[in-house]
Amino acid sequence: MAAKAVRTKSIRTKITLVTACAIIATILITTFQGAYAIRGIGRSSAEQQLRLLCETGQKHLNSYFTSAEQSVEMVASFVGEDLESLEEAELAEHVSRTRTIFAKTASKTQGILTYYYRIDPAVSQETKGFWYTNLDGNGFVEHEVTDITHYDTSDTSALVWFTVPKATGKAVWLPPYVTDNLDVTVLSYNMPVYCGGTFVGVIGIELDYMAIADHVEHIRLYDDGYAFINDDTGYIVYHPEMTDEELELERNRQSPTGMLAENSLIRYTWKGVEKEAVWLPLANGMRLNVTVPMAEINEDWQRWIIEHCAASAVLLVAFVLLTVKLSGRIVKPLTDLTKAAEEVEAGNYDVELVPHGDDEVGILTGAFSHLVAHLKSYVRDLKDKAYGDALTAVRNKSAFDLYLQRLPEQAESRGEKLEYAVCFFDCNDLKVINDGYGHEKGDLYLKSTCTTICQVFAHSPVFRIGGDEFAAVLQHGDYEKRHELLELFDERCKDLHAIAENPWEKANVARGMAEYDPETDQSAADVVRRADQLMYAHKRSQKNGRK
């Protein structure tokens, strides 16, 4: 039976394990896929933010540079059409007209710090051009022009705003430099002017480097993300995380390895920190970089993954608990059915099973209930035949032995003191009746005697333990009145003897009764032995009385 209980439990365990494993596998797979997707989404989102921020910064910065380029090109276009000769008077009038045009153009150009039109001293010593500045933001005022004659215009390392366009012969954006007269850092766009193939001078606009740097300074992402500018050679033009002292050293101004990659999305390491950046070209030839530490990019999607895993763990626990509960409900009918089978195997056929639904288990339960009912009826019939006396309808010797065997156990289970008496009865003259009147009359004699015993000891079980011997086991009320009942039985026998006309109708019975003594009796056999002895003693006294 223990093995069966284990097998029943194993069914639930197997269902739980199989279902739980399926749930765990499903959740682990979906969690892994979700984590992988979250990682991809997180990195893609960071890349999109970097790119979007870089594009926005590029548009704002390019608006400065493009506006300056357009203004210079517009003025240069006017100069190309207006300048017809290099005669002094004509040149002076030309510069005057250009001054008016440039003033109108500059007023509509954003971010201009200065604008100028400078004539090469080799063309004219008298007409120098003009230079206007707006240092305080209150409007442009004319500033004294730089004396170019103090410089070697063929040396591009000095007076770069003039010497570089003259040397290259084309419009050029110059990296940030400090103006000699204003001591202000600027970025300039300069275009050379020619007349009939002769270099005349330079038209240019200078933008405030600090205004551009301030704009770059405000490009921020996450906690430690920022933007910086470098030129096409990797030379750092502006970096918000580098001090002026650091930027003064040439070795500090070289961009980290990988910053000049063609792919706009790059990864690099700076000061031991792994970073990811997006760069875009600016209209002046420089590059705008927006960079973020990889740790901050990973932090978001890692947090999302932790939250996703935590939610998956909660769902997993909930589903496993639900599986355990549901498997218990599913297996319960089988458990009940198993317990009922164990009871039937133990000989207890009084089991009740309620079918749970009309599924396979419900059908099996119903069929088992019907089978147990038939089996119970069959066993009852067998017991009646095995423990019953066919002639008198009382129980037989086997039933008597079994009954006495169970008395101590029953008393203990009820918490009662073991008290009982055994009364033996022997039918005298049965052989005489059988021989003289036939066995049919002998059977009537036994039945009549059994009826008398059952009537007197109505609350006690009566057994036929031999051919002409009966026994009764007295407990409870009958035990308390055992002597009275025995006297009543003797009186009944006398009454029947007096009124009976035929021997088989009489009740000529010898009886003996013994009580259980816990101090001397080792078992019920001792009580039975004394009752048998007393019965035979009574039998002898009856014979002696007759003599």
Protein backbone atom coordinates (compact mmCIF):
# COMPACT_ATOMS: atom_id res chain seq x y z
CA MET A 1 0.00 0.00 0.00
CA ALA A 2 2.88 2.34 0.73
CA ALA A 3 4.25 1.71 -2.72
CA LYS A 4 0.91 2.61 -4.23
CA ALA A 5 0.77 5.83 -2.23
CA VAL A 6 4.21 6.69 -3.54
CA ARG A 7 3.12 5.93 -7.07
CA THR A 8 0.06 8.14 -6.67
CA LYS A 9 2.20 10.97 -5.38
CA SER A 10 4.64 10.43 -8.23
CA ILE A 11 1.84 11.05 -10.74
CA ARG A 12 1.31 14.48 -9.26
CA THR A 13 5.05 15.02 -9.06
CA LYS A 14 5.50 14.02 -12.67
CA ILE A 15 2.67 16.27 -13.84
CA THR A 16 4.08 19.13 -11.77
CA LEU A 17 7.64 18.55 -12.95
CA VAL A 18 6.72 18.20 -16.61
CA THR A 19 4.49 21.27 -16.55
CA ALA A 20 6.94 23.26 -14.43
CA CYS A 21 9.83 22.31 -16.73
CA ALA A 22 7.80 23.37 -19.75
CA ILE A 23 6.93 26.66 -18.07
CA ILE A 24 10.52 27.23 -16.95
CA ALA A 25 11.88 26.42 -20.39
CA THR A 26 9.34 28.70 -22.05
CA ILE A 27 9.98 31.57 -19.66
CA LEU A 28 13.76 31.12 -19.88
CA ILE A 29 13.63 31.15 -23.67
CA THR A 30 11.32 34.17 -23.77
CA THR A 31 13.42 35.88 -21.08
CA PHE A 32 16.61 35.26 -23.07
CA GLN A 33 14.98 36.43 -26.28
CA GLY A 34 13.48 39.41 -24.46
CA ALA A 35 16.84 40.26 -22.87
CA TYR A 36 18.57 39.99 -26.25
CA ALA A 37 15.89 42.17 -27.83
CA ILE A 38 16.05 44.67 -24.97
CA ARG A 39 19.83 44.83 -25.35
CA GLY A 40 19.46 45.50 -29.05
CA ILE A 41 16.69 48.03 -28.51
CA GLY A 42 18.67 49.74 -25.75
CA ARG A 43 21.78 50.09 -27.88
CA SER A 44 19.76 51.05 -30.93
CA SER A 45 17.90 53.64 -28.86
CA ALA A 46 21.18 55.08 -27.55
CA GLU A 47 22.57 55.19 -31.08
CA GLN A 48 19.44 56.96 -32.33
CA GLN A 49 19.66 59.48 -29.50
CA LEU A 50 23.31 60.10 -30.26
CA ARG A 51 22.60 60.47 -33.96
CA LEU A 52 19.57 62.70 -33.41
CA LEU A 53 21.48 64.93 -30.99
CA CYS A 54 24.44 65.08 -33.35
CA GLU A 55 22.18 65.94 -36.30
CA THR A 56 20.49 68.69 -34.29
CA GLY A 57 23.86 70.11 -33.27
CA GLN A 58 25.10 69.83 -36.84
CA LYS A 59 22.12 71.80 -38.12
CA HIS A 60 22.59 74.57 -35.58
CA LEU A 61 26.33 74.86 -36.16
CA ASN A 62 25.99 74.62 -39.92
CA SER A 63 23.49 77.44 -39.81
CA TYR A 64 26.35 79.64 -38.53
CA PHE A 65 28.86 78.37 -41.04
CA THR A 66 26.48 78.31 -44.01
CA SER A 67 25.24 81.79 -43.22
CA ALA A 68 28.85 83.05 -43.11
CA GLU A 69 29.72 81.27 -46.36
CA GLN A 70 26.68 82.67 -48.15
CA SER A 71 27.40 86.18 -46.93
CA VAL A 72 31.04 86.03 -48.04
CA GLU A 73 30.11 84.51 -51.40
CA MET A 74 27.40 87.15 -51.93
CA VAL A 75 29.85 89.96 -51.24
CA ALA A 76 32.49 88.26 -53.35
CA SER A 77 30.01 88.00 -56.21
CA PHE A 78 29.33 91.72 -55.94
CA VAL A 79 33.03 92.45 -55.84
CA GLY A 80 33.68 90.36 -58.91
CA GLU A 81 31.09 92.34 -60.87
CA ASP A 82 31.91 95.75 -59.41
CA LEU A 83 35.71 95.73 -59.62
CA GLU A 84 36.68 96.75 -63.17
CA SER A 85 40.16 98.21 -62.70
CA LEU A 86 42.86 98.57 -60.10
CA GLU A 87 43.35 102.30 -60.52
CA GLU A 88 43.53 104.02 -57.17
CA ALA A 89 40.41 106.15 -57.54
CA GLU A 90 38.36 103.33 -58.96
CA LEU A 91 39.62 100.95 -56.26
CA ALA A 92 38.69 103.37 -53.48
CA GLU A 93 35.18 103.86 -54.85
CA HIS A 94 34.85 100.08 -55.21
CA VAL A 95 35.82 99.50 -51.59
CA SER A 96 33.30 102.15 -50.51
CA ARG A 97 30.51 100.46 -52.42
CA THR A 98 31.54 97.07 -51.04
CA ARG A 99 31.47 98.50 -47.49
CA THR A 100 27.80 99.38 -47.93
CA ILE A 101 26.90 96.00 -49.38
CA PHE A 102 28.87 94.11 -46.71
CA ALA A 103 27.20 96.06 -43.89
CA LYS A 104 23.75 95.09 -45.11
CA THR A 105 24.81 91.47 -45.60
CA ALA A 106 26.52 91.20 -42.22
CA SER A 107 23.48 92.52 -40.38
CA LYS A 108 21.51 89.57 -41.69
CA THR A 109 24.17 86.97 -40.89
CA GLN A 110 24.04 85.23 -37.53
CA GLY A 111 26.98 84.81 -35.21
CA ILE A 112 29.34 87.27 -36.95
CA LEU A 113 31.97 88.81 -34.72
CA THR A 114 33.84 90.69 -37.47
CA TYR A 115 33.80 91.18 -41.22
CA TYR A 116 36.43 92.69 -43.48
CA TYR A 117 37.64 93.38 -46.97
CA ARG A 118 41.42 93.78 -47.09
CA ILE A 119 43.42 94.97 -50.08
CA ASP A 120 46.83 93.51 -50.72
CA PRO A 121 49.50 96.22 -50.13
CA ALA A 122 51.06 95.05 -53.39
CA VAL A 123 47.94 96.36 -55.19
CA SER A 124 47.49 99.64 -53.26
CA GLN A 125 49.23 101.35 -50.39
CA GLU A 126 46.49 103.94 -50.08
CA THR A 127 43.34 101.87 -50.16
CA LYS A 128 43.60 99.29 -47.36
CA GLY A 129 40.02 98.13 -47.15
CA PHE A 130 37.95 97.96 -43.97
CA TRP A 131 37.37 95.88 -40.79
CA TYR A 132 34.22 96.01 -38.68
CA THR A 133 33.77 94.36 -35.28
CA ASN A 134 30.86 93.71 -32.95
CA LEU A 135 32.54 92.74 -29.69
CA ASP A 136 29.86 93.98 -27.28
CA GLY A 137 26.82 92.88 -29.27
CA ASN A 138 25.57 96.45 -29.72
CA GLY A 139 26.32 96.66 -33.42
CA PHE A 140 29.27 96.78 -35.78
CA VAL A 141 31.82 99.52 -35.48
CA GLU A 142 34.79 100.13 -37.74
CA HIS A 143 38.10 99.00 -36.34
CA GLU A 144 41.57 100.02 -37.39
CA VAL A 145 42.85 97.55 -39.90
CA THR A 146 45.95 95.45 -39.38
CA ASP A 147 49.04 96.78 -41.11
CA ILE A 148 49.73 93.97 -43.52
CA THR A 149 53.02 95.52 -44.59
CA HIS A 150 54.54 94.24 -41.37
CA TYR A 151 54.01 90.65 -42.48
CA ASP A 152 55.37 88.40 -45.17
CA THR A 153 52.19 87.51 -47.05
CA SER A 154 53.88 84.48 -48.54
CA ASP A 155 54.28 82.97 -45.03
CA THR A 156 51.06 81.08 -44.21
CA SER A 157 52.02 80.59 -40.58
CA ALA A 158 51.18 84.22 -39.77
CA LEU A 159 48.20 86.41 -40.61
CA VAL A 160 46.50 83.19 -41.73
CA TRP A 161 43.18 84.83 -42.59
CA PHE A 162 45.01 86.66 -45.37
CA THR A 163 47.99 84.54 -46.27
CA VAL A 164 46.21 81.18 -46.56
CA PRO A 165 43.50 82.32 -49.06
CA LYS A 166 46.21 84.15 -51.03
CA ALA A 167 48.37 81.04 -51.10
CA THR A 168 45.60 78.57 -51.94
CA GLY A 169 43.64 80.84 -54.28
CA LYS A 170 40.31 79.56 -53.00
CA ALA A 171 37.79 80.11 -50.24
CA VAL A 172 38.82 78.43 -47.01
CA TRP A 173 37.59 77.84 -43.47
CA LEU A 174 40.35 78.33 -40.94
CA PRO A 175 40.51 76.52 -37.60
CA PRO A 176 40.15 78.61 -34.47
CA TYR A 177 42.88 81.20 -33.97
CA VAL A 178 43.42 84.27 -31.82
CA THR A 179 43.16 87.58 -33.67
CA ASP A 180 46.27 89.69 -33.25
CA ASN A 181 44.50 92.96 -32.49
CA LEU A 182 41.40 91.79 -30.60
CA ASP A 183 42.89 88.92 -28.62
CA VAL A 184 39.71 86.93 -29.30
CA THR A 185 39.49 83.35 -30.54
CA VAL A 186 37.55 83.16 -33.80
CA LEU A 187 36.77 80.89 -36.73
CA SER A 188 36.92 82.58 -40.11
CA TYR A 189 35.77 81.98 -43.65
CA ASN A 190 37.85 83.82 -46.21
CA MET A 191 37.70 84.17 -49.98
CA PRO A 192 40.42 85.62 -52.22
CA VAL A 193 39.52 88.42 -54.67
CA TYR A 194 41.05 88.62 -58.15
CA CYS A 195 40.87 91.18 -60.93
CA GLY A 196 42.10 90.12 -64.31
CA GLY A 197 44.11 87.32 -62.72
CA THR A 198 45.75 89.64 -60.20
CA PHE A 199 45.29 88.92 -56.51
CA VAL A 200 43.53 91.94 -55.02
CA GLY A 201 42.78 90.97 -51.44
CA VAL A 202 40.59 88.91 -49.12
CA ILE A 203 36.93 89.09 -48.12
CA GLY A 204 36.18 87.36 -44.84
CA ILE A 205 33.92 86.86 -41.84
CA GLU A 206 35.00 85.83 -38.39
CA LEU A 207 32.66 83.93 -36.09
CA ASP A 208 32.89 84.02 -32.33
CA TYR A 209 34.55 80.78 -31.27
CA MET A 210 33.05 81.03 -27.76
CA ALA A 211 29.50 81.28 -29.10
CA ILE A 212 30.05 78.08 -31.08
CA ALA A 213 31.79 76.44 -28.11
CA ASP A 214 28.89 77.43 -25.86
CA HIS A 215 26.48 75.79 -28.26
CA VAL A 216 28.57 72.60 -28.30
CA GLU A 217 28.83 72.76 -24.51
CA HIS A 218 25.05 72.48 -24.23
CA ILE A 219 24.89 69.29 -26.28
CA ARG A 220 24.55 66.73 -23.50
CA LEU A 221 23.25 63.17 -23.24
CA TYR A 222 22.80 61.02 -20.14
CA ASP A 223 24.94 62.09 -17.17
CA ASP A 224 28.40 62.10 -18.72
CA GLY A 225 27.70 62.43 -22.41
CA TYR A 226 28.94 65.51 -24.27
CA ALA A 227 29.93 66.86 -27.69
CA PHE A 228 33.28 68.04 -29.03
CA ILE A 229 34.73 69.25 -32.33
CA ASN A 230 37.81 68.13 -34.21
CA ASP A 231 39.09 68.90 -37.69
CA ASP A 232 39.51 66.41 -40.53
CA THR A 233 43.03 65.56 -39.33
CA GLY A 234 41.84 64.56 -35.87
CA TYR A 235 43.03 67.75 -34.20
CA ILE A 236 40.68 68.64 -31.35
CA VAL A 237 39.24 72.11 -31.86
CA TYR A 238 36.99 72.22 -28.82
CA HIS A 239 36.42 69.76 -25.98
CA PRO A 240 34.25 70.59 -22.93
CA GLU A 241 36.09 68.07 -20.74
CA MET A 242 39.53 69.53 -21.46
CA THR A 243 40.86 72.65 -19.75
CA ASP A 244 42.50 75.50 -21.62
CA GLU A 245 45.85 74.35 -20.23
CA GLU A 246 45.29 70.86 -21.64
CA LEU A 247 44.24 72.27 -25.02
CA GLU A 248 47.40 74.39 -25.18
CA LEU A 249 49.50 71.20 -25.33
CA GLU A 250 49.66 69.77 -28.83
CA ARG A 251 49.86 66.19 -27.56
CA ASN A 252 46.48 66.57 -25.83
CA ARG A 253 44.71 67.87 -28.92
CA GLN A 254 44.99 64.73 -30.99
CA SER A 255 41.69 62.81 -31.12
CA PRO A 256 41.57 59.29 -29.63
CA THR A 257 42.30 56.38 -31.96
CA GLY A 258 39.33 55.53 -34.13
CA MET A 259 37.77 58.99 -34.20
CA LEU A 260 38.53 59.40 -37.92
CA ALA A 261 36.76 56.20 -38.97
CA GLU A 262 34.51 56.44 -41.99
CA ASN A 263 31.61 54.84 -40.16
CA SER A 264 29.66 57.56 -38.37
CA LEU A 265 29.14 55.27 -35.34
CA ILE A 266 32.44 54.65 -33.59
CA ARG A 267 33.72 53.21 -30.34
CA TYR A 268 36.90 54.33 -28.69
CA THR A 269 38.59 54.60 -25.29
CA TRP A 270 39.50 57.92 -23.71
CA LYS A 271 41.17 58.20 -20.32
CA GLY A 272 40.44 54.52 -19.70
CA VAL A 273 36.70 54.88 -20.34
CA GLU A 274 35.07 52.98 -23.20
CA LYS A 275 32.81 55.29 -25.17
CA GLU A 276 30.46 55.26 -28.12
CA ALA A 277 30.12 58.27 -30.39
CA VAL A 278 28.37 59.48 -33.51
CA TRP A 279 30.10 62.06 -35.69
CA LEU A 280 28.83 64.19 -38.55
CA PRO A 281 30.71 66.61 -40.80
CA LEU A 282 30.21 70.35 -40.41
CA ALA A 283 30.01 72.84 -43.23
CA ASN A 284 33.43 74.27 -42.34
CA GLY A 285 35.13 70.88 -42.75
CA MET A 286 35.29 70.01 -39.08
CA ARG A 287 33.51 67.17 -37.33
CA LEU A 288 30.94 67.33 -34.56
CA ASN A 289 31.16 64.34 -32.21
CA VAL A 290 28.54 63.37 -29.63
CA THR A 291 29.87 60.76 -27.22
CA VAL A 292 28.56 58.78 -24.24
CA PRO A 293 30.29 56.26 -21.93
CA MET A 294 29.30 52.71 -22.79
CA ALA A 295 28.55 52.10 -19.11
CA GLU A 296 25.70 54.64 -19.26
CA ILE A 297 24.36 53.20 -22.50
CA ASN A 298 24.42 49.72 -21.00
CA GLU A 299 22.92 50.86 -17.72
CA ASP A 300 19.50 51.49 -19.22
CA TRP A 301 19.09 48.23 -21.08
CA GLN A 302 20.69 46.28 -18.23
CA ARG A 303 18.13 47.80 -15.84
CA TRP A 304 15.37 46.90 -18.28
CA ILE A 305 16.71 43.34 -18.46
CA ILE A 306 16.81 43.10 -14.64
CA GLU A 307 13.21 44.33 -14.47
CA HIS A 308 12.25 41.92 -17.25
CA CYS A 309 13.97 39.03 -15.47
CA ALA A 310 12.34 39.98 -12.16
CA ALA A 311 8.91 40.05 -13.82
CA SER A 312 9.68 36.69 -15.47
CA ALA A 313 10.73 35.25 -12.11
CA VAL A 314 7.49 36.43 -10.51
CA LEU A 315 5.50 34.91 -13.37
CA LEU A 316 7.52 31.72 -13.09
CA VAL A 317 6.81 31.36 -9.38
CA ALA A 318 3.14 32.19 -9.93
CA PHE A 319 2.82 29.67 -12.77
CA VAL A 320 4.65 26.94 -10.82
CA LEU A 321 2.44 27.50 -7.77
CA LEU A 322 -0.61 27.46 -10.03
CA THR A 323 0.69 24.27 -11.62
CA VAL A 324 1.13 22.65 -8.22
CA LYS A 325 -2.38 23.66 -7.23
CA LEU A 326 -3.95 22.56 -10.50
CA SER A 327 -2.00 19.30 -10.54
CA GLY A 328 -3.31 18.63 -7.04
CA ARG A 329 -6.86 19.18 -8.24
CA ILE A 330 -6.27 17.03 -11.30
CA VAL A 331 -4.66 14.21 -9.33
CA LYS A 332 -7.10 14.36 -6.38
CA PRO A 333 -9.65 12.03 -8.01
CA LEU A 334 -6.83 9.57 -8.69
CA THR A 335 -5.63 9.95 -5.09
CA ASP A 336 -9.15 9.30 -3.79
CA LEU A 337 -9.45 6.36 -6.12
CA THR A 338 -6.11 4.97 -4.92
CA LYS A 339 -7.08 5.36 -1.26
CA ALA A 340 -10.36 3.61 -1.97
CA ALA A 341 -8.49 0.78 -3.67
CA GLU A 342 -6.21 0.49 -0.63
CA GLU A 343 -9.26 0.33 1.65
CA VAL A 344 -10.82 -2.36 -0.50
CA GLU A 345 -7.55 -4.29 -0.50
CA ALA A 346 -7.51 -4.05 3.30
CA GLY A 347 -11.02 -5.55 3.41
CA ASN A 348 -13.00 -2.35 3.95
CA TYR A 349 -15.67 -2.14 1.29
CA ASP A 350 -17.53 0.78 2.86
CA VAL A 351 -15.89 3.39 0.63
CA GLU A 352 -17.62 6.31 -0.99
CA LEU A 353 -16.38 7.85 -4.21
CA VAL A 354 -17.86 10.92 -5.83
CA PRO A 355 -17.20 11.09 -9.59
CA HIS A 356 -15.44 14.33 -10.56
CA GLY A 357 -16.96 15.28 -13.88
CA ASP A 358 -17.54 13.13 -16.91
CA ASP A 359 -13.93 12.82 -18.04
CA GLU A 360 -11.87 9.61 -18.09
CA VAL A 361 -11.17 9.80 -14.34
CA GLY A 362 -14.87 10.40 -13.61
CA ILE A 363 -15.84 7.40 -15.72
CA LEU A 364 -13.17 5.29 -14.03
CA THR A 365 -14.40 6.41 -10.58
CA GLY A 366 -17.99 5.52 -11.42
CA ALA A 367 -16.98 2.12 -12.76
CA PHE A 368 -14.85 1.47 -9.67
CA SER A 369 -17.76 2.44 -7.38
CA HIS A 370 -20.05 -0.03 -9.14
CA LEU A 371 -17.35 -2.69 -8.97
CA VAL A 372 -16.86 -2.11 -5.22
CA ALA A 373 -20.62 -2.32 -4.66
CA HIS A 374 -20.77 -5.68 -6.43
CA LEU A 375 -17.66 -6.81 -4.62
CA LYS A 376 -19.11 -5.73 -1.28
CA SER A 377 -22.24 -7.73 -1.95
CA TYR A 378 -20.17 -10.69 -3.08
CA VAL A 379 -17.92 -10.53 -0.02
CA ARG A 380 -20.93 -10.22 2.25
CA ASP A 381 -22.33 -13.37 0.71
CA LEU A 382 -18.97 -15.06 1.17
CA LYS A 383 -18.81 -13.91 4.77
CA ASP A 384 -22.30 -15.17 5.38
CA LYS A 385 -21.23 -18.52 4.05
CA ALA A 386 -17.83 -18.48 5.72
CA TYR A 387 -18.94 -17.17 9.13
CA GLY A 388 -22.61 -18.15 9.17
CA ASP A 389 -24.32 -21.36 10.22
CA ALA A 390 -26.65 -22.52 7.51
CA LEU A 391 -28.97 -24.35 9.87
CA THR A 392 -29.54 -21.83 12.63
CA ALA A 393 -28.59 -18.58 10.79
CA VAL A 394 -26.28 -17.56 13.63
CA ARG A 395 -22.49 -17.18 13.26
CA ASN A 396 -20.19 -20.19 13.29
CA LYS A 397 -17.01 -21.23 15.09
CA SER A 398 -14.72 -19.19 12.80
CA ALA A 399 -16.74 -16.09 13.52
CA PHE A 400 -16.58 -16.89 17.23
CA ASP A 401 -12.76 -17.15 17.21
CA LEU A 402 -12.42 -13.94 15.17
CA TYR A 403 -14.81 -12.10 17.46
CA LEU A 404 -12.87 -13.03 20.59
CA GLN A 405 -9.59 -12.13 18.87
CA ARG A 406 -10.77 -8.58 18.13
CA LEU A 407 -12.21 -7.84 21.56
CA PRO A 408 -9.00 -6.31 23.09
CA GLU A 409 -8.36 -4.15 20.04
CA GLN A 410 -11.94 -2.86 19.97
CA ALA A 411 -11.93 -2.04 23.68
CA GLU A 412 -8.62 -0.18 23.31
CA SER A 413 -9.83 1.80 20.30
CA ARG A 414 -12.93 2.88 22.29
CA GLY A 415 -10.87 3.62 25.39
CA GLU A 416 -12.91 1.10 27.40
CA LYS A 417 -11.97 -1.45 30.01
CA LEU A 418 -11.97 -4.99 28.63
CA GLU A 419 -14.90 -6.79 30.28
CA TYR A 420 -16.74 -9.76 28.86
CA ALA A 421 -18.07 -13.22 29.68
CA VAL A 422 -18.33 -16.34 27.54
CA CYS A 423 -21.32 -18.61 27.97
CA PHE A 424 -21.22 -22.13 26.50
CA PHE A 425 -24.35 -24.19 25.74
CA ASP A 426 -24.59 -27.91 24.97
CA CYS A 427 -27.80 -29.53 23.70
CA ASN A 428 -28.36 -32.76 25.65
CA ASP A 429 -29.96 -35.79 23.99
CA LEU A 430 -29.33 -34.63 20.38
CA LYS A 431 -28.05 -38.12 19.45
CA VAL A 432 -31.10 -39.72 21.05
CA ILE A 433 -33.46 -37.52 19.01
CA ASN A 434 -31.48 -38.07 15.80
CA ASP A 435 -31.46 -41.81 16.31
CA GLY A 436 -35.04 -42.09 17.50
CA TYR A 437 -36.82 -39.49 15.41
CA GLY A 438 -34.49 -38.68 12.55
CA HIS A 439 -32.11 -35.88 11.77
CA GLU A 440 -34.90 -33.57 10.70
CA LYS A 441 -36.24 -33.62 14.25
CA GLY A 442 -32.70 -33.19 15.52
CA ASP A 443 -32.36 -30.05 13.36
CA LEU A 444 -35.64 -28.72 14.80
CA TYR A 445 -34.29 -29.38 18.25
CA LEU A 446 -31.12 -27.35 17.48
CA LYS A 447 -33.13 -24.52 15.97
CA SER A 448 -35.47 -24.37 18.94
CA THR A 449 -32.57 -24.29 21.39
CA CYS A 450 -30.75 -21.59 19.33
CA THR A 451 -33.95 -19.48 19.30
CA THR A 452 -34.22 -19.66 23.08
CA ILE A 453 -30.55 -18.63 23.49
CA CYS A 454 -30.99 -15.70 21.09
CA GLN A 455 -34.17 -14.52 22.83
CA VAL A 456 -32.59 -14.53 26.29
CA PHE A 457 -29.25 -13.05 25.22
CA ALA A 458 -30.83 -10.68 22.71
CA HIS A 459 -28.06 -8.04 22.96
CA SER A 460 -25.16 -10.44 22.63
CA PRO A 461 -23.78 -12.30 19.62
CA VAL A 462 -24.65 -16.01 19.52
CA PHE A 463 -22.48 -18.60 17.73
CA ARG A 464 -22.90 -22.29 16.84
CA ILE A 465 -19.43 -23.63 17.63
CA GLY A 466 -20.12 -27.34 17.17
CA GLY A 467 -22.76 -29.86 16.20
CA ASP A 468 -24.79 -29.41 19.39
CA GLU A 469 -22.79 -26.59 21.05
CA PHE A 470 -23.51 -22.87 21.09
CA ALA A 471 -21.78 -19.87 22.64
CA ALA A 472 -22.67 -16.30 23.52
CA VAL A 473 -20.27 -13.44 24.29
CA LEU A 474 -21.71 -11.05 26.87
CA GLN A 475 -20.59 -7.39 27.00
CA HIS A 476 -21.82 -4.10 28.36
CA GLY A 477 -25.45 -4.43 29.57
CA ASP A 478 -25.64 -8.20 29.15
CA TYR A 479 -22.33 -8.56 31.01
CA GLU A 480 -23.66 -6.52 33.90
CA LYS A 481 -26.78 -8.77 34.03
CA ARG A 482 -25.00 -12.01 33.16
CA HIS A 483 -26.13 -13.94 36.21
CA GLU A 484 -29.72 -12.78 35.84
CA LEU A 485 -29.75 -13.74 32.19
CA LEU A 486 -28.31 -17.15 32.96
CA GLU A 487 -31.07 -17.77 35.52
CA LEU A 488 -33.63 -16.51 32.98
CA PHE A 489 -32.27 -18.98 30.45
CA ASP A 490 -32.64 -21.86 32.93
CA GLU A 491 -36.24 -20.84 33.61
CA ARG A 492 -37.05 -20.69 29.90
CA CYS A 493 -35.64 -24.16 29.43
CA LYS A 494 -37.79 -25.47 32.30
CA ASP A 495 -40.89 -23.81 30.86
CA LEU A 496 -40.29 -25.36 27.47
CA HIS A 497 -39.66 -28.76 29.04
CA ALA A 498 -42.96 -28.51 30.90
CA ILE A 499 -45.15 -27.56 27.96
CA ALA A 500 -43.42 -29.45 25.15
CA GLU A 501 -45.16 -32.54 23.88
CA ASN A 502 -42.27 -33.83 21.79
CA PRO A 503 -38.63 -34.26 22.76
CA TRP A 504 -37.37 -32.06 19.91
CA GLU A 505 -39.52 -29.18 21.16
CA LYS A 506 -37.87 -29.17 24.56
CA ALA A 507 -34.69 -27.24 25.56
CA ASN A 508 -32.57 -29.68 27.52
CA VAL A 509 -29.35 -27.60 27.64
CA ALA A 510 -26.21 -27.67 29.75
CA ARG A 511 -24.51 -24.28 30.12
CA GLY A 512 -21.42 -22.81 31.66
CA MET A 513 -20.31 -19.17 31.95
CA ALA A 514 -16.82 -17.70 32.66
CA GLU A 515 -15.77 -14.04 33.03
CA TYR A 516 -12.53 -12.58 31.71
CA ASP A 517 -10.02 -11.97 34.50
CA PRO A 518 -7.18 -9.62 33.38
CA GLU A 519 -4.96 -10.81 36.24
CA THR A 520 -5.06 -14.51 35.41
CA ASP A 521 -6.21 -14.84 31.80
CA GLN A 522 -3.49 -14.57 29.18
CA SER A 523 -5.99 -14.68 26.31
CA ALA A 524 -9.59 -15.43 25.41
CA ALA A 525 -8.64 -19.13 25.19
CA ASP A 526 -8.37 -19.19 28.98
CA VAL A 527 -11.90 -17.82 29.34
CA VAL A 528 -13.22 -20.27 26.75
CA ARG A 529 -11.54 -23.15 28.55
CA ARG A 530 -13.16 -22.28 31.90
CA ALA A 531 -16.57 -21.75 30.27
CA ASP A 532 -16.27 -25.15 28.60
CA GLN A 533 -15.28 -26.77 31.89
CA LEU A 534 -18.21 -25.16 33.72
CA MET A 535 -20.57 -26.23 30.96
CA TYR A 536 -19.44 -29.87 31.29
CA ALA A 537 -19.68 -29.61 35.06
CA HIS A 538 -23.28 -28.47 34.66
CA LYS A 539 -23.87 -31.30 32.22
CA ARG A 540 -22.64 -33.85 34.78
CA SER A 541 -24.79 -32.32 37.50
CA GLN A 542 -27.84 -32.60 35.21
CA LYS A 543 -27.14 -36.32 34.63
CA ASN A 544 -26.58 -36.91 38.31
CA GLY A 545 -29.84 -35.14 39.08
CA ARG A 546 -31.71 -37.34 36.67
CA LYS A 547 -30.31 -40.47 38.30
